[in-house]
Amino acid sequence: MNSDRILIASILCFGLGLSVIFGYCHGTAGFGVTYPFQGTSLQLSLTTTGLPAILGLILTVAGLAAVLYVFTTAVIRQAQTYLSIR
């Protein structure tokens, strides 16, 4: 089974989901650098409401699940090829 199309679709789905979430969000971001570096902080507050929140989450999870599926099948295929050579 050739998984190129599944990989391309999963990356597009993952990217589209994240772009919907970040495209319709509102929030704040802050970055403070101090010395000593233990006091350095990054604060990120994002809020996405309504249909974009649901659609973005569904697309992101579906894309991530497809990437994991393609990765798992590729590892299994490589293991089968390695074991058949030996």
Protein backbone atom coordinates (compact mmCIF):
# COMPACT_ATOMS: atom_id res chain seq x y z
CA MET A 1 0.00 0.00 0.00
CA ASN A 2 1.40 3.37 -0.99
CA SER A 3 0.92 5.83 1.83
CA ASP A 4 2.05 8.99 0.04
CA ARG A 5 -1.48 10.29 -0.51
CA ILE A 6 -2.49 9.53 3.07
CA LEU A 7 0.56 11.37 4.37
CA ILE A 8 -0.10 14.41 2.19
CA ALA A 9 -3.77 14.49 3.18
CA SER A 10 -2.96 14.10 6.87
CA ILE A 11 -0.42 16.94 6.83
CA LEU A 12 -2.90 19.17 4.99
CA CYS A 13 -5.67 18.25 7.43
CA PHE A 14 -3.42 18.90 10.43
CA GLY A 15 -2.28 22.24 9.03
CA LEU A 16 -5.81 23.29 8.10
CA GLY A 17 -7.05 22.44 11.58
CA LEU A 18 -4.33 24.50 13.25
CA SER A 19 -4.87 27.39 10.86
CA VAL A 20 -8.61 27.42 11.63
CA ILE A 21 -7.89 27.40 15.37
CA PHE A 22 -5.27 30.16 15.18
CA GLY A 23 -7.04 32.13 12.44
CA TYR A 24 -10.22 32.60 14.45
CA CYS A 25 -8.63 33.02 17.87
CA HIS A 26 -8.15 36.06 19.99
CA GLY A 27 -5.77 36.31 22.89
CA THR A 28 -2.51 37.63 24.19
CA ALA A 29 1.12 36.61 24.21
CA GLY A 30 3.95 37.74 26.41
CA PHE A 31 7.62 36.88 26.71
CA GLY A 32 9.81 38.14 29.52
CA VAL A 33 13.56 37.57 29.70
CA THR A 34 15.34 38.02 32.99
CA TYR A 35 18.69 37.21 34.48
CA PRO A 36 19.06 34.65 36.03
CA PHE A 37 17.26 32.69 33.36
CA GLN A 38 15.07 30.78 35.82
CA GLY A 39 12.80 33.84 35.85
CA THR A 40 12.25 33.86 32.07
CA SER A 41 8.63 33.23 31.13
CA LEU A 42 6.47 32.70 28.07
CA GLN A 43 2.74 33.32 28.44
CA LEU A 44 0.33 32.41 25.67
CA SER A 45 -3.43 32.78 25.98
CA LEU A 46 -5.57 31.73 23.00
CA THR A 47 -9.33 31.53 22.83
CA THR A 48 -11.27 30.21 19.85
CA THR A 49 -15.04 30.04 20.15
CA GLY A 50 -17.90 28.60 18.15
CA LEU A 51 -17.76 26.43 15.05
CA PRO A 52 -14.07 27.16 14.26
CA ALA A 53 -13.11 25.70 17.64
CA ILE A 54 -14.95 22.45 16.98
CA LEU A 55 -13.96 22.18 13.32
CA GLY A 56 -10.33 23.05 14.06
CA LEU A 57 -10.10 20.46 16.81
CA ILE A 58 -11.67 17.75 14.64
CA LEU A 59 -9.35 18.51 11.71
CA THR A 60 -6.27 18.64 13.92
CA VAL A 61 -7.06 15.35 15.67
CA ALA A 62 -7.91 13.64 12.36
CA GLY A 63 -4.66 14.85 10.80
CA LEU A 64 -2.61 13.75 13.80
CA ALA A 65 -4.30 10.32 13.82
CA ALA A 66 -3.58 9.87 10.11
CA VAL A 67 0.08 10.86 10.59
CA LEU A 68 0.41 8.32 13.40
CA TYR A 69 -1.25 5.65 11.23
CA VAL A 70 1.10 6.32 8.31
CA PHE A 71 4.14 6.35 10.61
CA THR A 72 3.11 3.07 12.26
CA THR A 73 2.50 1.31 8.95
CA ALA A 74 5.85 2.57 7.62
CA VAL A 75 7.68 1.21 10.67
CA ILE A 76 5.90 -2.14 10.37
CA ARG A 77 6.69 -2.31 6.66
CA GLN A 78 10.36 -1.57 7.31
CA ALA A 79 10.49 -4.23 10.04
CA GLN A 80 8.91 -6.80 7.72
CA THR A 81 11.41 -5.95 4.99
CA TYR A 82 14.31 -6.22 7.44
CA LEU A 83 13.12 -9.57 8.79
CA SER A 84 12.53 -11.00 5.32
CA ILE A 85 16.10 -10.15 4.24
CA ARG A 86 17.60 -11.99 7.17
